[in-house]
N, C-alpha and C. Protein backbone atom coordinates (compact mmCIF):
# COMPACT_ATOMS: atom_id res chain seq x y z
N MET A 1 0.85 -1.18 0.00
CA MET A 1 0.00 0.00 0.00
C MET A 1 0.90 1.24 0.00
N VAL A 2 0.59 2.19 -0.86
CA VAL A 2 1.33 3.44 -0.93
C VAL A 2 0.44 4.54 -0.37
N LEU A 3 0.95 5.24 0.61
CA LEU A 3 0.20 6.35 1.19
C LEU A 3 0.66 7.64 0.55
N GLY A 4 -0.27 8.44 0.09
CA GLY A 4 0.07 9.72 -0.52
C GLY A 4 0.31 10.79 0.53
N ARG A 5 0.90 11.85 0.07
CA ARG A 5 1.13 13.00 0.94
C ARG A 5 -0.16 13.81 1.04
N LYS A 6 -0.42 14.33 2.23
CA LYS A 6 -1.62 15.13 2.46
C LYS A 6 -1.21 16.58 2.69
N TYR A 7 -1.95 17.49 2.06
CA TYR A 7 -1.69 18.92 2.17
C TYR A 7 -2.96 19.64 2.57
N SER A 8 -2.77 20.84 3.10
CA SER A 8 -3.89 21.70 3.42
C SER A 8 -3.47 23.14 3.11
N ILE A 9 -4.41 23.93 2.68
CA ILE A 9 -4.15 25.36 2.49
C ILE A 9 -4.61 26.06 3.77
N VAL A 10 -3.70 26.82 4.38
CA VAL A 10 -3.97 27.40 5.70
C VAL A 10 -3.69 28.91 5.72
N THR A 11 -4.24 29.53 6.75
CA THR A 11 -3.91 30.91 7.11
C THR A 11 -3.11 30.83 8.39
N VAL A 12 -1.98 31.54 8.44
CA VAL A 12 -1.12 31.56 9.62
C VAL A 12 -1.18 32.95 10.21
N SER A 13 -1.29 33.03 11.54
CA SER A 13 -1.32 34.33 12.20
C SER A 13 -0.35 34.38 13.37
N HIS A 14 0.14 35.58 13.61
CA HIS A 14 1.00 35.86 14.76
C HIS A 14 0.73 37.30 15.15
N LYS A 15 0.17 37.48 16.34
CA LYS A 15 -0.25 38.80 16.80
C LYS A 15 -1.21 39.39 15.77
N GLU A 16 -0.91 40.54 15.20
CA GLU A 16 -1.82 41.19 14.25
C GLU A 16 -1.54 40.83 12.79
N LYS A 17 -0.53 40.03 12.52
CA LYS A 17 -0.13 39.68 11.15
C LYS A 17 -0.79 38.37 10.72
N LYS A 18 -1.18 38.30 9.43
CA LYS A 18 -1.74 37.07 8.87
C LYS A 18 -1.18 36.88 7.48
N ILE A 19 -0.96 35.62 7.13
CA ILE A 19 -0.63 35.25 5.77
C ILE A 19 -1.61 34.16 5.37
N ARG A 20 -2.28 34.37 4.26
CA ARG A 20 -3.30 33.42 3.78
C ARG A 20 -2.75 32.55 2.65
N ASN A 21 -3.44 31.45 2.42
CA ASN A 21 -3.17 30.56 1.29
C ASN A 21 -1.76 30.00 1.27
N ILE A 22 -1.33 29.48 2.40
CA ILE A 22 -0.02 28.84 2.52
C ILE A 22 -0.22 27.33 2.42
N THR A 23 0.64 26.69 1.63
CA THR A 23 0.58 25.24 1.50
C THR A 23 1.25 24.59 2.70
N ALA A 24 0.49 23.76 3.41
CA ALA A 24 1.01 23.06 4.59
C ALA A 24 0.99 21.56 4.34
N PHE A 25 2.10 20.90 4.64
CA PHE A 25 2.20 19.45 4.56
C PHE A 25 1.77 18.88 5.90
N ILE A 26 0.85 17.93 5.89
CA ILE A 26 0.39 17.29 7.13
C ILE A 26 1.27 16.07 7.37
N ASP A 27 2.03 16.12 8.46
CA ASP A 27 3.02 15.08 8.76
C ASP A 27 2.69 14.44 10.11
N SER A 28 2.03 13.28 10.06
CA SER A 28 1.63 12.61 11.30
C SER A 28 2.82 12.02 12.05
N GLY A 29 3.99 12.04 11.44
CA GLY A 29 5.20 11.54 12.10
C GLY A 29 5.98 12.61 12.82
N ALA A 30 5.55 13.86 12.69
CA ALA A 30 6.24 14.98 13.36
C ALA A 30 5.51 15.31 14.66
N ASP A 31 6.24 15.40 15.75
CA ASP A 31 5.62 15.76 17.03
C ASP A 31 5.16 17.21 17.04
N LEU A 32 5.99 18.09 16.49
CA LEU A 32 5.70 19.52 16.49
C LEU A 32 5.55 20.04 15.07
N SER A 33 4.88 21.16 14.93
CA SER A 33 4.75 21.82 13.64
C SER A 33 5.98 22.68 13.39
N ILE A 34 6.24 22.95 12.11
CA ILE A 34 7.43 23.69 11.70
C ILE A 34 7.01 24.73 10.67
N ILE A 35 7.52 25.96 10.81
CA ILE A 35 7.35 26.96 9.76
C ILE A 35 8.73 27.30 9.23
N GLY A 36 8.78 27.67 7.96
CA GLY A 36 10.03 28.11 7.37
C GLY A 36 10.40 29.49 7.87
N SER A 37 11.69 29.78 7.92
CA SER A 37 12.14 31.09 8.37
C SER A 37 11.64 32.20 7.44
N SER A 38 11.33 31.86 6.18
CA SER A 38 10.79 32.87 5.26
C SER A 38 9.42 33.37 5.73
N ILE A 39 8.62 32.48 6.31
CA ILE A 39 7.32 32.90 6.86
C ILE A 39 7.54 33.77 8.09
N ALA A 40 8.47 33.38 8.95
CA ALA A 40 8.77 34.19 10.14
C ALA A 40 9.21 35.59 9.73
N LYS A 41 10.01 35.69 8.69
CA LYS A 41 10.45 37.01 8.21
C LYS A 41 9.30 37.80 7.62
N ARG A 42 8.46 37.15 6.80
CA ARG A 42 7.32 37.86 6.20
C ARG A 42 6.34 38.35 7.25
N MET A 43 6.23 37.62 8.36
CA MET A 43 5.33 38.03 9.45
C MET A 43 6.03 38.92 10.46
N GLN A 44 7.30 39.19 10.22
CA GLN A 44 8.11 40.04 11.10
C GLN A 44 8.13 39.52 12.54
N ILE A 45 8.27 38.19 12.66
CA ILE A 45 8.35 37.58 13.98
C ILE A 45 9.77 37.73 14.50
N THR A 46 9.90 38.39 15.62
CA THR A 46 11.22 38.57 16.24
C THR A 46 11.21 38.14 17.71
N ASP A 47 10.03 37.90 18.24
CA ASP A 47 9.89 37.56 19.66
C ASP A 47 9.88 36.05 19.87
N PHE A 48 11.01 35.41 19.55
CA PHE A 48 11.11 33.97 19.73
C PHE A 48 11.11 33.65 21.21
N LEU A 49 10.44 32.55 21.58
CA LEU A 49 10.30 32.19 22.98
C LEU A 49 11.62 31.69 23.56
N TYR A 50 12.25 30.77 22.86
CA TYR A 50 13.54 30.20 23.26
C TYR A 50 14.01 29.33 22.12
N GLU A 51 15.14 28.70 22.27
CA GLU A 51 15.64 27.79 21.25
C GLU A 51 15.44 26.37 21.74
N ARG A 52 15.08 25.48 20.84
CA ARG A 52 14.81 24.10 21.22
C ARG A 52 15.70 23.16 20.42
N SER A 53 16.16 22.14 21.10
CA SER A 53 16.93 21.07 20.45
C SER A 53 15.93 20.01 19.97
N TRP A 54 16.12 19.54 18.73
CA TRP A 54 15.23 18.52 18.19
C TRP A 54 16.00 17.67 17.20
N ILE A 55 15.45 16.50 16.90
CA ILE A 55 16.11 15.59 15.97
C ILE A 55 15.26 15.49 14.71
N ALA A 56 15.87 15.82 13.58
CA ALA A 56 15.19 15.78 12.28
C ALA A 56 15.04 14.34 11.81
N SER A 57 14.24 14.16 10.77
CA SER A 57 13.99 12.81 10.25
C SER A 57 15.26 12.15 9.71
N ASP A 58 16.27 12.96 9.36
CA ASP A 58 17.53 12.38 8.89
C ASP A 58 18.47 12.01 10.04
N GLY A 59 18.02 12.22 11.29
CA GLY A 59 18.79 11.86 12.47
C GLY A 59 19.68 12.97 13.00
N ASP A 60 19.76 14.09 12.27
CA ASP A 60 20.59 15.21 12.72
C ASP A 60 19.93 15.96 13.87
N ARG A 61 20.74 16.34 14.85
CA ARG A 61 20.25 17.19 15.94
C ARG A 61 20.31 18.64 15.46
N ARG A 62 19.21 19.36 15.65
CA ARG A 62 19.14 20.76 15.25
C ARG A 62 18.73 21.61 16.43
N TYR A 63 19.06 22.88 16.34
CA TYR A 63 18.66 23.86 17.35
C TYR A 63 17.94 24.97 16.60
N SER A 64 16.69 25.19 16.95
CA SER A 64 15.87 26.16 16.23
C SER A 64 15.08 27.02 17.20
N PRO A 65 14.79 28.28 16.80
CA PRO A 65 13.93 29.12 17.63
C PRO A 65 12.51 28.59 17.63
N ILE A 66 11.80 28.89 18.70
CA ILE A 66 10.41 28.47 18.88
C ILE A 66 9.53 29.72 18.91
N VAL A 67 8.36 29.62 18.30
CA VAL A 67 7.45 30.75 18.24
C VAL A 67 6.01 30.25 18.44
N GLU A 68 5.12 31.16 18.82
CA GLU A 68 3.70 30.86 18.91
C GLU A 68 3.02 31.37 17.64
N ILE A 69 2.13 30.56 17.07
CA ILE A 69 1.35 30.99 15.91
C ILE A 69 -0.06 30.45 16.02
N GLY A 70 -0.94 30.99 15.19
CA GLY A 70 -2.27 30.45 15.01
C GLY A 70 -2.37 29.90 13.60
N VAL A 71 -3.07 28.79 13.44
CA VAL A 71 -3.26 28.17 12.14
C VAL A 71 -4.74 27.92 11.93
N LYS A 72 -5.23 28.26 10.74
CA LYS A 72 -6.63 27.97 10.43
C LYS A 72 -6.71 27.41 9.02
N ALA A 73 -7.06 26.15 8.93
CA ALA A 73 -7.33 25.51 7.64
C ALA A 73 -8.76 25.84 7.24
N LYS A 74 -9.08 25.65 5.98
CA LYS A 74 -10.42 25.99 5.50
C LYS A 74 -11.51 25.23 6.23
N ASP A 75 -11.23 24.00 6.66
CA ASP A 75 -12.26 23.21 7.34
C ASP A 75 -12.22 23.35 8.87
N ASP A 76 -11.31 24.17 9.40
CA ASP A 76 -11.27 24.40 10.85
C ASP A 76 -12.34 25.42 11.23
N ARG A 77 -13.00 25.18 12.34
CA ARG A 77 -13.99 26.14 12.83
C ARG A 77 -13.32 27.35 13.48
N ASN A 78 -12.23 27.08 14.18
CA ASN A 78 -11.54 28.14 14.92
C ASN A 78 -10.06 28.14 14.58
N ILE A 79 -9.39 29.19 14.98
CA ILE A 79 -7.94 29.25 14.86
C ILE A 79 -7.34 28.28 15.87
N ILE A 80 -6.41 27.46 15.43
CA ILE A 80 -5.73 26.51 16.30
C ILE A 80 -4.44 27.17 16.77
N HIS A 81 -4.32 27.40 18.07
CA HIS A 81 -3.13 28.06 18.62
C HIS A 81 -2.07 27.00 18.94
N LEU A 82 -0.90 27.19 18.36
CA LEU A 82 0.23 26.30 18.60
C LEU A 82 1.30 27.11 19.31
N ASP A 83 1.69 26.66 20.51
CA ASP A 83 2.60 27.46 21.32
C ASP A 83 4.06 27.05 21.22
N GLU A 84 4.37 25.97 20.50
CA GLU A 84 5.76 25.56 20.33
C GLU A 84 6.00 25.15 18.88
N VAL A 85 6.15 26.13 18.02
CA VAL A 85 6.38 25.88 16.60
C VAL A 85 7.84 26.15 16.28
N ILE A 86 8.48 25.20 15.66
CA ILE A 86 9.89 25.32 15.30
C ILE A 86 10.02 26.19 14.05
N VAL A 87 11.01 27.07 14.04
CA VAL A 87 11.31 27.87 12.86
C VAL A 87 12.58 27.29 12.23
N ASP A 88 12.44 26.72 11.03
CA ASP A 88 13.57 26.05 10.39
C ASP A 88 13.27 25.89 8.91
N ASP A 89 14.29 25.89 8.07
CA ASP A 89 14.08 25.70 6.64
C ASP A 89 14.47 24.33 6.14
N ALA A 90 15.32 23.63 6.84
CA ALA A 90 15.88 22.37 6.33
C ALA A 90 14.83 21.34 5.92
N PRO A 91 13.74 21.12 6.68
CA PRO A 91 12.82 20.04 6.30
C PRO A 91 11.79 20.43 5.25
N LEU A 92 11.75 21.69 4.83
CA LEU A 92 10.70 22.13 3.93
C LEU A 92 11.09 21.83 2.48
N ASP A 93 10.10 21.50 1.68
CA ASP A 93 10.32 21.00 0.32
C ASP A 93 10.10 22.09 -0.72
N ASP A 94 11.17 22.48 -1.43
CA ASP A 94 11.07 23.52 -2.45
C ASP A 94 10.24 23.06 -3.65
N GLU A 95 10.25 21.78 -3.96
CA GLU A 95 9.56 21.29 -5.15
C GLU A 95 8.04 21.33 -5.01
N THR A 96 7.53 21.19 -3.79
CA THR A 96 6.08 21.16 -3.60
C THR A 96 5.55 22.46 -2.99
N ASP A 97 6.39 23.44 -2.79
CA ASP A 97 6.00 24.74 -2.25
C ASP A 97 5.47 24.70 -0.81
N GLU A 98 5.76 23.61 -0.09
CA GLU A 98 5.27 23.58 1.29
C GLU A 98 6.13 24.50 2.15
N GLU A 99 5.46 25.34 2.90
CA GLU A 99 6.15 26.30 3.76
C GLU A 99 5.92 26.00 5.23
N ILE A 100 5.01 25.06 5.48
CA ILE A 100 4.67 24.68 6.85
C ILE A 100 4.53 23.17 6.91
N ILE A 101 4.99 22.59 8.01
CA ILE A 101 4.71 21.20 8.30
C ILE A 101 3.81 21.20 9.53
N LEU A 102 2.63 20.62 9.39
CA LEU A 102 1.70 20.51 10.51
C LEU A 102 1.88 19.14 11.14
N GLY A 103 2.32 19.12 12.39
CA GLY A 103 2.60 17.88 13.10
C GLY A 103 1.45 17.44 13.98
N LEU A 104 1.76 16.48 14.85
CA LEU A 104 0.75 15.93 15.76
C LEU A 104 0.17 16.99 16.69
N ASP A 105 0.96 18.01 17.04
CA ASP A 105 0.44 19.07 17.91
C ASP A 105 -0.78 19.72 17.28
N TYR A 106 -0.70 20.01 15.99
CA TYR A 106 -1.84 20.60 15.28
C TYR A 106 -2.98 19.58 15.14
N LEU A 107 -2.65 18.38 14.69
CA LEU A 107 -3.68 17.36 14.46
C LEU A 107 -4.50 17.09 15.72
N GLN A 108 -3.83 17.03 16.87
CA GLN A 108 -4.54 16.76 18.12
C GLN A 108 -5.39 17.94 18.55
N LYS A 109 -4.83 19.15 18.49
CA LYS A 109 -5.60 20.33 18.91
C LYS A 109 -6.78 20.60 17.98
N ALA A 110 -6.61 20.32 16.69
CA ALA A 110 -7.69 20.54 15.72
C ALA A 110 -8.66 19.36 15.67
N ARG A 111 -8.31 18.28 16.41
CA ARG A 111 -9.13 17.07 16.45
C ARG A 111 -9.37 16.47 15.06
N LYS A 112 -8.27 16.40 14.32
CA LYS A 112 -8.33 15.85 12.96
C LYS A 112 -8.33 14.32 13.00
N ILE A 113 -9.03 13.75 12.07
CA ILE A 113 -9.07 12.30 11.92
C ILE A 113 -8.36 11.97 10.61
N LEU A 114 -7.39 11.08 10.68
CA LEU A 114 -6.65 10.69 9.50
C LEU A 114 -7.42 9.60 8.76
N ASP A 115 -7.63 9.81 7.46
CA ASP A 115 -8.37 8.86 6.65
C ASP A 115 -7.47 8.47 5.47
N PHE A 116 -7.07 7.21 5.42
CA PHE A 116 -6.19 6.73 4.37
C PHE A 116 -6.95 5.95 3.29
N ALA A 117 -8.26 6.16 3.20
CA ALA A 117 -9.08 5.42 2.26
C ALA A 117 -8.78 5.78 0.81
N ASP A 118 -8.32 6.99 0.54
CA ASP A 118 -8.05 7.38 -0.84
C ASP A 118 -6.62 7.17 -1.11
């Protein structure tokens, strides 16, 4: 069985700033969500909470700033507040234009159900 990649178009917010129509990759294997540093720059995020150590899927240990953001997919009723989002560019895919990886933190807070029927 081959499982396809799942994407969502989302709006990301931080304080008074919003960016709409961002392609987000839904990654059920990621504990935390990740935004690219390009999004952090476009939203003028400078108030990073702290730096966090984490291990990427390639096994490398990385140190990245953490930020709070809100995420709203088209099918979400409310903005989902994520308080520990990693800011990093390494895991993001240039070929598919994904700028955000939505991990288990988002899936659990948004109460998403994964359906692999298609």
